[in-house]
Amino acid sequence: MKIAFIILTCFTSCAVIKQTDKVRFEYYSGTQRQKVVLSIPKGATLVKITAGGEGEEHRYWYADSSVIYISNLTGSATLNALLINREQSDYNRRFMSDTASFTGTDEKGNYWKEVKNGNLLYGYSNVPINKKEIFNYAITSLR
């Protein structure tokens, strides 16, 4: 039984990996230049948002309006900020914690997720159930 599970997991992971592209995001953490890599689903259109010396955000949009983002913008006004702010405890945790993770569904039943790691925020929004697995894989692929 364990062998079957391992084989199934390998096939599922390999199938997901073939459907992804690697993207890089470079930013400053204090005075140190940092670089992270994400494996995102293929077919995205990149939109860059810059705020002078306040940071940068990359949004990878898909034809169905789902999106993956990665940001170090100060002020933390990401795509999921309003969804997180609905819950007072999540809102407080987002600003008071160095690391945190938030997830849920929007009013249309699509999935969203945001991860905070220091001054780096990344996540996805407007993801239908049939694409949730590959978007979760993208978020956990951050290196």
N, C-alpha and C. Protein backbone atom coordinates (compact mmCIF):
# COMPACT_ATOMS: atom_id res chain seq x y z
N MET A 1 0.82 -1.18 0.00
CA MET A 1 0.00 0.00 0.00
C MET A 1 0.87 1.25 0.00
N LYS A 2 1.94 1.29 0.81
CA LYS A 2 2.82 2.45 0.86
C LYS A 2 3.50 2.67 -0.48
N ILE A 3 3.90 1.59 -1.15
CA ILE A 3 4.56 1.71 -2.45
C ILE A 3 3.62 2.33 -3.47
N ALA A 4 2.36 1.91 -3.47
CA ALA A 4 1.37 2.47 -4.40
C ALA A 4 1.19 3.96 -4.15
N PHE A 5 1.15 4.37 -2.90
CA PHE A 5 1.01 5.79 -2.56
C PHE A 5 2.21 6.59 -3.04
N ILE A 6 3.41 6.05 -2.84
CA ILE A 6 4.63 6.74 -3.26
C ILE A 6 4.65 6.87 -4.79
N ILE A 7 4.29 5.82 -5.50
CA ILE A 7 4.28 5.86 -6.96
C ILE A 7 3.25 6.87 -7.45
N LEU A 8 2.05 6.86 -6.86
CA LEU A 8 1.01 7.81 -7.24
C LEU A 8 1.45 9.23 -6.97
N THR A 9 2.09 9.47 -5.84
CA THR A 9 2.59 10.80 -5.50
C THR A 9 3.63 11.25 -6.52
N CYS A 10 4.52 10.35 -6.91
CA CYS A 10 5.56 10.68 -7.90
C CYS A 10 4.93 11.06 -9.22
N PHE A 11 3.96 10.26 -9.69
CA PHE A 11 3.30 10.57 -10.97
C PHE A 11 2.58 11.90 -10.90
N THR A 12 1.89 12.17 -9.81
CA THR A 12 1.17 13.44 -9.65
C THR A 12 2.14 14.60 -9.63
N SER A 13 3.23 14.49 -8.85
CA SER A 13 4.22 15.56 -8.76
C SER A 13 4.90 15.79 -10.10
N CYS A 14 5.25 14.73 -10.80
CA CYS A 14 5.91 14.86 -12.10
C CYS A 14 4.98 15.54 -13.10
N ALA A 15 3.69 15.21 -13.07
CA ALA A 15 2.73 15.83 -13.98
C ALA A 15 2.61 17.32 -13.69
N VAL A 16 2.60 17.69 -12.43
CA VAL A 16 2.50 19.11 -12.06
C VAL A 16 3.75 19.86 -12.50
N ILE A 17 4.92 19.31 -12.29
CA ILE A 17 6.17 19.96 -12.64
C ILE A 17 6.23 20.26 -14.14
N LYS A 18 5.73 19.36 -14.99
CA LYS A 18 5.75 19.56 -16.43
C LYS A 18 4.85 20.72 -16.86
N GLN A 19 3.93 21.13 -16.02
CA GLN A 19 2.99 22.20 -16.34
C GLN A 19 3.45 23.56 -15.80
N THR A 20 4.71 23.68 -15.40
CA THR A 20 5.16 24.91 -14.75
C THR A 20 6.36 25.55 -15.46
N ASP A 21 6.52 26.84 -15.21
CA ASP A 21 7.68 27.62 -15.63
C ASP A 21 8.32 28.21 -14.38
N LYS A 22 9.64 28.36 -14.40
CA LYS A 22 10.34 28.99 -13.28
C LYS A 22 10.43 30.49 -13.51
N VAL A 23 10.11 31.25 -12.46
CA VAL A 23 10.23 32.71 -12.51
C VAL A 23 11.07 33.16 -11.32
N ARG A 24 11.80 34.26 -11.52
CA ARG A 24 12.66 34.80 -10.46
C ARG A 24 12.12 36.15 -10.00
N PHE A 25 12.30 36.39 -8.71
CA PHE A 25 11.92 37.68 -8.13
C PHE A 25 13.10 38.13 -7.28
N GLU A 26 13.63 39.31 -7.59
CA GLU A 26 14.76 39.86 -6.84
C GLU A 26 14.28 41.08 -6.08
N TYR A 27 14.75 41.19 -4.85
CA TYR A 27 14.32 42.29 -3.98
C TYR A 27 15.38 42.54 -2.92
N TYR A 28 15.22 43.64 -2.21
CA TYR A 28 16.12 43.96 -1.11
C TYR A 28 15.43 43.67 0.22
N SER A 29 16.16 43.02 1.10
CA SER A 29 15.73 42.82 2.47
C SER A 29 16.74 43.58 3.31
N GLY A 30 16.35 44.77 3.74
CA GLY A 30 17.32 45.66 4.36
C GLY A 30 18.27 46.14 3.28
N THR A 31 19.56 45.89 3.45
CA THR A 31 20.54 46.28 2.44
C THR A 31 21.00 45.10 1.60
N GLN A 32 20.48 43.91 1.89
CA GLN A 32 20.90 42.70 1.19
C GLN A 32 19.97 42.38 0.03
N ARG A 33 20.56 42.16 -1.14
CA ARG A 33 19.79 41.76 -2.31
C ARG A 33 19.45 40.27 -2.18
N GLN A 34 18.19 39.95 -2.37
CA GLN A 34 17.70 38.57 -2.26
C GLN A 34 17.12 38.13 -3.60
N LYS A 35 17.13 36.83 -3.84
CA LYS A 35 16.52 36.29 -5.05
C LYS A 35 15.75 35.03 -4.67
N VAL A 36 14.50 34.93 -5.13
CA VAL A 36 13.71 33.73 -4.93
C VAL A 36 13.22 33.24 -6.29
N VAL A 37 12.91 31.95 -6.35
CA VAL A 37 12.42 31.33 -7.57
C VAL A 37 11.12 30.61 -7.26
N LEU A 38 10.15 30.77 -8.14
CA LEU A 38 8.86 30.07 -8.03
C LEU A 38 8.65 29.26 -9.31
N SER A 39 8.03 28.10 -9.18
CA SER A 39 7.59 27.33 -10.34
C SER A 39 6.09 27.56 -10.48
N ILE A 40 5.70 28.36 -11.46
CA ILE A 40 4.30 28.74 -11.62
C ILE A 40 3.68 28.02 -12.80
N PRO A 41 2.35 27.91 -12.84
CA PRO A 41 1.70 27.29 -14.00
C PRO A 41 2.05 28.03 -15.29
N LYS A 42 2.19 27.27 -16.38
CA LYS A 42 2.50 27.87 -17.68
C LYS A 42 1.35 28.74 -18.16
N GLY A 43 1.67 29.70 -19.02
CA GLY A 43 0.65 30.50 -19.67
C GLY A 43 0.36 31.84 -19.03
N ALA A 44 1.20 32.29 -18.12
CA ALA A 44 0.95 33.54 -17.40
C ALA A 44 1.45 34.76 -18.18
N THR A 45 0.80 35.88 -17.92
CA THR A 45 1.25 37.17 -18.42
C THR A 45 1.71 37.99 -17.21
N LEU A 46 2.95 38.45 -17.24
CA LEU A 46 3.53 39.17 -16.12
C LEU A 46 3.15 40.65 -16.15
N VAL A 47 2.69 41.15 -14.99
CA VAL A 47 2.47 42.57 -14.79
C VAL A 47 3.32 42.98 -13.59
N LYS A 48 4.21 43.97 -13.80
CA LYS A 48 5.08 44.45 -12.72
C LYS A 48 4.53 45.75 -12.18
N ILE A 49 4.52 45.84 -10.85
CA ILE A 49 4.09 47.06 -10.18
C ILE A 49 5.27 47.53 -9.34
N THR A 50 5.68 48.78 -9.55
CA THR A 50 6.77 49.32 -8.75
C THR A 50 6.30 50.58 -8.04
N ALA A 51 6.89 50.81 -6.90
CA ALA A 51 6.53 51.98 -6.09
C ALA A 51 7.79 52.73 -5.69
N GLY A 52 8.60 53.08 -6.68
CA GLY A 52 9.84 53.79 -6.38
C GLY A 52 10.70 52.99 -5.43
N GLY A 53 11.08 53.57 -4.34
CA GLY A 53 11.90 52.89 -3.35
C GLY A 53 11.09 52.08 -2.35
N GLU A 54 9.79 51.92 -2.61
CA GLU A 54 8.91 51.21 -1.67
C GLU A 54 8.74 49.74 -1.99
N GLY A 55 9.40 49.24 -3.04
CA GLY A 55 9.32 47.83 -3.36
C GLY A 55 8.72 47.56 -4.72
N GLU A 56 8.44 46.29 -4.97
CA GLU A 56 7.95 45.85 -6.27
C GLU A 56 7.02 44.65 -6.08
N GLU A 57 6.09 44.50 -7.00
CA GLU A 57 5.20 43.33 -6.99
C GLU A 57 5.12 42.79 -8.41
N HIS A 58 5.20 41.46 -8.53
CA HIS A 58 5.01 40.79 -9.81
C HIS A 58 3.71 40.00 -9.72
N ARG A 59 2.83 40.23 -10.69
CA ARG A 59 1.58 39.49 -10.78
C ARG A 59 1.59 38.70 -12.07
N TYR A 60 1.31 37.41 -11.95
CA TYR A 60 1.27 36.51 -13.10
C TYR A 60 -0.18 36.15 -13.35
N TRP A 61 -0.78 36.79 -14.37
CA TRP A 61 -2.20 36.64 -14.67
C TRP A 61 -2.43 35.54 -15.70
N TYR A 62 -3.56 34.85 -15.56
CA TYR A 62 -3.97 33.79 -16.46
C TYR A 62 -5.27 34.17 -17.15
N ALA A 63 -5.56 33.50 -18.26
CA ALA A 63 -6.74 33.82 -19.08
C ALA A 63 -8.04 33.75 -18.30
N ASP A 64 -8.12 32.89 -17.28
CA ASP A 64 -9.35 32.75 -16.48
C ASP A 64 -9.42 33.74 -15.32
N SER A 65 -8.50 34.70 -15.27
CA SER A 65 -8.40 35.74 -14.23
C SER A 65 -7.81 35.26 -12.91
N SER A 66 -7.32 34.03 -12.86
CA SER A 66 -6.57 33.62 -11.68
C SER A 66 -5.19 34.28 -11.76
N VAL A 67 -4.56 34.42 -10.60
CA VAL A 67 -3.30 35.17 -10.56
C VAL A 67 -2.42 34.65 -9.42
N ILE A 68 -1.12 34.63 -9.67
CA ILE A 68 -0.11 34.38 -8.63
C ILE A 68 0.68 35.67 -8.47
N TYR A 69 1.00 36.03 -7.25
CA TYR A 69 1.76 37.26 -7.04
C TYR A 69 2.87 37.03 -6.02
N ILE A 70 3.88 37.89 -6.13
CA ILE A 70 4.96 37.93 -5.16
C ILE A 70 5.35 39.40 -5.00
N SER A 71 5.49 39.84 -3.75
CA SER A 71 5.61 41.27 -3.49
C SER A 71 6.50 41.55 -2.28
N ASN A 72 7.18 42.67 -2.36
CA ASN A 72 7.85 43.20 -1.18
C ASN A 72 7.47 44.68 -1.00
N LEU A 73 6.31 45.06 -1.55
CA LEU A 73 5.83 46.43 -1.40
C LEU A 73 5.54 46.72 0.06
N THR A 74 5.98 47.86 0.54
CA THR A 74 5.66 48.26 1.91
C THR A 74 4.19 48.68 1.93
N GLY A 75 3.55 48.50 3.05
CA GLY A 75 2.13 48.78 3.15
C GLY A 75 1.29 47.54 2.95
N SER A 76 1.85 46.55 2.27
CA SER A 76 1.25 45.22 2.14
C SER A 76 -0.16 45.21 1.56
N ALA A 77 -0.42 46.04 0.56
CA ALA A 77 -1.75 46.06 -0.07
C ALA A 77 -1.78 45.06 -1.22
N THR A 78 -1.75 43.78 -0.92
CA THR A 78 -1.77 42.75 -1.95
C THR A 78 -3.19 42.49 -2.43
N LEU A 79 -3.32 41.62 -3.42
CA LEU A 79 -4.64 41.27 -3.95
C LEU A 79 -5.56 40.68 -2.90
N ASN A 80 -5.00 40.00 -1.93
CA ASN A 80 -5.82 39.33 -0.91
C ASN A 80 -5.98 40.14 0.37
N ALA A 81 -5.49 41.35 0.41
CA ALA A 81 -5.52 42.15 1.64
C ALA A 81 -6.95 42.32 2.17
N LEU A 82 -7.91 42.63 1.31
CA LEU A 82 -9.29 42.83 1.78
C LEU A 82 -9.88 41.54 2.35
N LEU A 83 -9.56 40.41 1.72
CA LEU A 83 -10.06 39.13 2.22
C LEU A 83 -9.47 38.80 3.58
N ILE A 84 -8.20 39.11 3.77
CA ILE A 84 -7.54 38.86 5.05
C ILE A 84 -8.08 39.81 6.11
N ASN A 85 -8.33 41.06 5.72
CA ASN A 85 -8.79 42.06 6.67
C ASN A 85 -10.19 41.82 7.21
N ARG A 86 -10.96 40.95 6.56
CA ARG A 86 -12.31 40.63 7.05
C ARG A 86 -12.29 40.01 8.44
N GLU A 87 -11.23 39.29 8.74
CA GLU A 87 -11.07 38.64 10.04
C GLU A 87 -10.07 39.44 10.86
N GLN A 88 -10.53 40.04 11.94
CA GLN A 88 -9.67 40.90 12.76
C GLN A 88 -8.41 40.18 13.23
N SER A 89 -8.56 38.91 13.64
CA SER A 89 -7.39 38.17 14.14
C SER A 89 -6.37 37.94 13.02
N ASP A 90 -6.85 37.67 11.79
CA ASP A 90 -5.93 37.51 10.66
C ASP A 90 -5.26 38.83 10.32
N TYR A 91 -6.02 39.91 10.35
CA TYR A 91 -5.47 41.23 10.07
C TYR A 91 -4.34 41.56 11.04
N ASN A 92 -4.59 41.32 12.33
CA ASN A 92 -3.56 41.58 13.34
C ASN A 92 -2.33 40.70 13.13
N ARG A 93 -2.56 39.41 12.85
CA ARG A 93 -1.47 38.46 12.66
C ARG A 93 -0.63 38.82 11.43
N ARG A 94 -1.27 39.35 10.41
CA ARG A 94 -0.57 39.71 9.18
C ARG A 94 0.48 40.79 9.45
N PHE A 95 0.16 41.74 10.34
CA PHE A 95 1.09 42.83 10.60
C PHE A 95 1.99 42.57 11.80
N MET A 96 1.57 41.74 12.72
CA MET A 96 2.35 41.52 13.94
C MET A 96 3.30 40.34 13.84
N SER A 97 3.12 39.47 12.86
CA SER A 97 3.95 38.27 12.73
C SER A 97 4.97 38.43 11.62
N ASP A 98 6.11 37.78 11.80
CA ASP A 98 7.13 37.77 10.76
C ASP A 98 6.79 36.73 9.68
N THR A 99 6.16 35.63 10.11
CA THR A 99 5.72 34.61 9.17
C THR A 99 4.27 34.24 9.49
N ALA A 100 3.48 34.11 8.43
CA ALA A 100 2.07 33.76 8.60
C ALA A 100 1.53 33.25 7.27
N SER A 101 0.45 32.48 7.34
CA SER A 101 -0.20 31.97 6.14
C SER A 101 -1.70 32.13 6.29
N PHE A 102 -2.36 32.55 5.22
CA PHE A 102 -3.80 32.78 5.21
C PHE A 102 -4.39 32.11 3.98
N THR A 103 -5.59 31.58 4.10
CA THR A 103 -6.24 30.91 2.98
C THR A 103 -7.75 30.98 3.12
N GLY A 104 -8.44 30.87 2.00
CA GLY A 104 -9.90 30.89 2.05
C GLY A 104 -10.51 30.85 0.67
N THR A 105 -11.81 31.14 0.63
CA THR A 105 -12.53 31.24 -0.63
C THR A 105 -13.16 32.62 -0.72
N ASP A 106 -13.30 33.10 -1.94
CA ASP A 106 -13.93 34.41 -2.14
C ASP A 106 -15.43 34.25 -2.34
N GLU A 107 -16.11 35.34 -2.63
CA GLU A 107 -17.57 35.32 -2.76
C GLU A 107 -18.04 34.48 -3.96
N LYS A 108 -17.16 34.20 -4.93
CA LYS A 108 -17.51 33.37 -6.08
C LYS A 108 -17.16 31.89 -5.86
N GLY A 109 -16.57 31.58 -4.71
CA GLY A 109 -16.19 30.20 -4.42
C GLY A 109 -14.81 29.84 -4.92
N ASN A 110 -14.06 30.81 -5.45
CA ASN A 110 -12.69 30.57 -5.89
C ASN A 110 -11.74 30.68 -4.70
N TYR A 111 -10.59 30.03 -4.83
CA TYR A 111 -9.64 29.93 -3.73
C TYR A 111 -8.60 31.04 -3.78
N TRP A 112 -8.12 31.41 -2.59
CA TRP A 112 -7.04 32.37 -2.47
C TRP A 112 -6.13 31.91 -1.34
N LYS A 113 -4.88 32.37 -1.40
CA LYS A 113 -3.92 32.05 -0.34
C LYS A 113 -2.85 33.13 -0.34
N GLU A 114 -2.36 33.45 0.86
CA GLU A 114 -1.24 34.38 0.99
C GLU A 114 -0.30 33.89 2.08
N VAL A 115 0.99 34.00 1.80
CA VAL A 115 2.03 33.64 2.76
C VAL A 115 2.89 34.86 2.99
N LYS A 116 3.17 35.13 4.26
CA LYS A 116 4.07 36.21 4.63
C LYS A 116 5.34 35.59 5.19
N ASN A 117 6.47 36.01 4.66
CA ASN A 117 7.76 35.54 5.14
C ASN A 117 8.68 36.76 5.22
N GLY A 118 8.75 37.35 6.41
CA GLY A 118 9.49 38.60 6.58
C GLY A 118 8.78 39.71 5.83
N ASN A 119 9.51 40.42 4.95
CA ASN A 119 8.86 41.47 4.17
C ASN A 119 8.44 41.00 2.78
N LEU A 120 8.42 39.69 2.58
CA LEU A 120 8.01 39.10 1.31
C LEU A 120 6.61 38.51 1.47
N LEU A 121 5.71 38.89 0.56
CA LEU A 121 4.35 38.37 0.53
C LEU A 121 4.13 37.69 -0.81
N TYR A 122 3.57 36.49 -0.81
CA TYR A 122 3.29 35.80 -2.06
C TYR A 122 2.05 34.96 -1.89
N GLY A 123 1.35 34.76 -3.00
CA GLY A 123 0.11 34.00 -2.92
C GLY A 123 -0.58 33.93 -4.26
N TYR A 124 -1.86 33.52 -4.19
CA TYR A 124 -2.68 33.45 -5.39
C TYR A 124 -4.08 33.89 -5.05
N SER A 125 -4.85 34.20 -6.11
CA SER A 125 -6.21 34.67 -5.93
C SER A 125 -7.06 34.23 -7.12
N ASN A 126 -8.36 34.09 -6.88
CA ASN A 126 -9.35 33.78 -7.91
C ASN A 126 -9.07 32.44 -8.62
N VAL A 127 -8.67 31.44 -7.86
CA VAL A 127 -8.29 30.14 -8.43
C VAL A 127 -9.45 29.15 -8.29
N PRO A 128 -9.92 28.58 -9.42
CA PRO A 128 -10.99 27.58 -9.34
C PRO A 128 -10.47 26.26 -8.76
N ILE A 129 -11.38 25.45 -8.26
CA ILE A 129 -11.01 24.19 -7.59
C ILE A 129 -10.15 23.29 -8.47
N ASN A 130 -10.41 23.25 -9.78
CA ASN A 130 -9.66 22.35 -10.64
C ASN A 130 -8.22 22.79 -10.87
N LYS A 131 -7.85 24.00 -10.43
CA LYS A 131 -6.47 24.48 -10.57
C LYS A 131 -5.80 24.70 -9.23
N LYS A 132 -6.49 24.41 -8.15
CA LYS A 132 -5.95 24.68 -6.82
C LYS A 132 -4.66 23.90 -6.56
N GLU A 133 -4.60 22.65 -6.98
CA GLU A 133 -3.42 21.82 -6.72
C GLU A 133 -2.15 22.42 -7.33
N ILE A 134 -2.21 22.85 -8.57
CA ILE A 134 -1.02 23.38 -9.23
C ILE A 134 -0.64 24.75 -8.66
N PHE A 135 -1.63 25.54 -8.23
CA PHE A 135 -1.32 26.83 -7.61
C PHE A 135 -0.72 26.62 -6.22
N ASN A 136 -1.21 25.64 -5.47
CA ASN A 136 -0.59 25.32 -4.18
C ASN A 136 0.85 24.85 -4.39
N TYR A 137 1.07 24.04 -5.40
CA TYR A 137 2.42 23.59 -5.72
C TYR A 137 3.32 24.79 -5.98
N ALA A 138 2.82 25.76 -6.74
CA ALA A 138 3.61 26.96 -7.05
C ALA A 138 4.03 27.69 -5.78
N ILE A 139 3.10 27.87 -4.87
CA ILE A 139 3.40 28.60 -3.63
C ILE A 139 4.42 27.86 -2.78
N THR A 140 4.31 26.52 -2.73
CA THR A 140 5.26 25.76 -1.92
C THR A 140 6.61 25.57 -2.62
N SER A 141 6.70 25.94 -3.89
CA SER A 141 7.96 25.77 -4.62
C SER A 141 8.95 26.90 -4.38
N LEU A 142 8.54 27.94 -3.65
CA LEU A 142 9.41 29.10 -3.43
C LEU A 142 10.75 28.66 -2.84
N ARG A 143 11.82 29.05 -3.49
CA ARG A 143 13.18 28.74 -3.02
C ARG A 143 14.04 29.97 -3.12
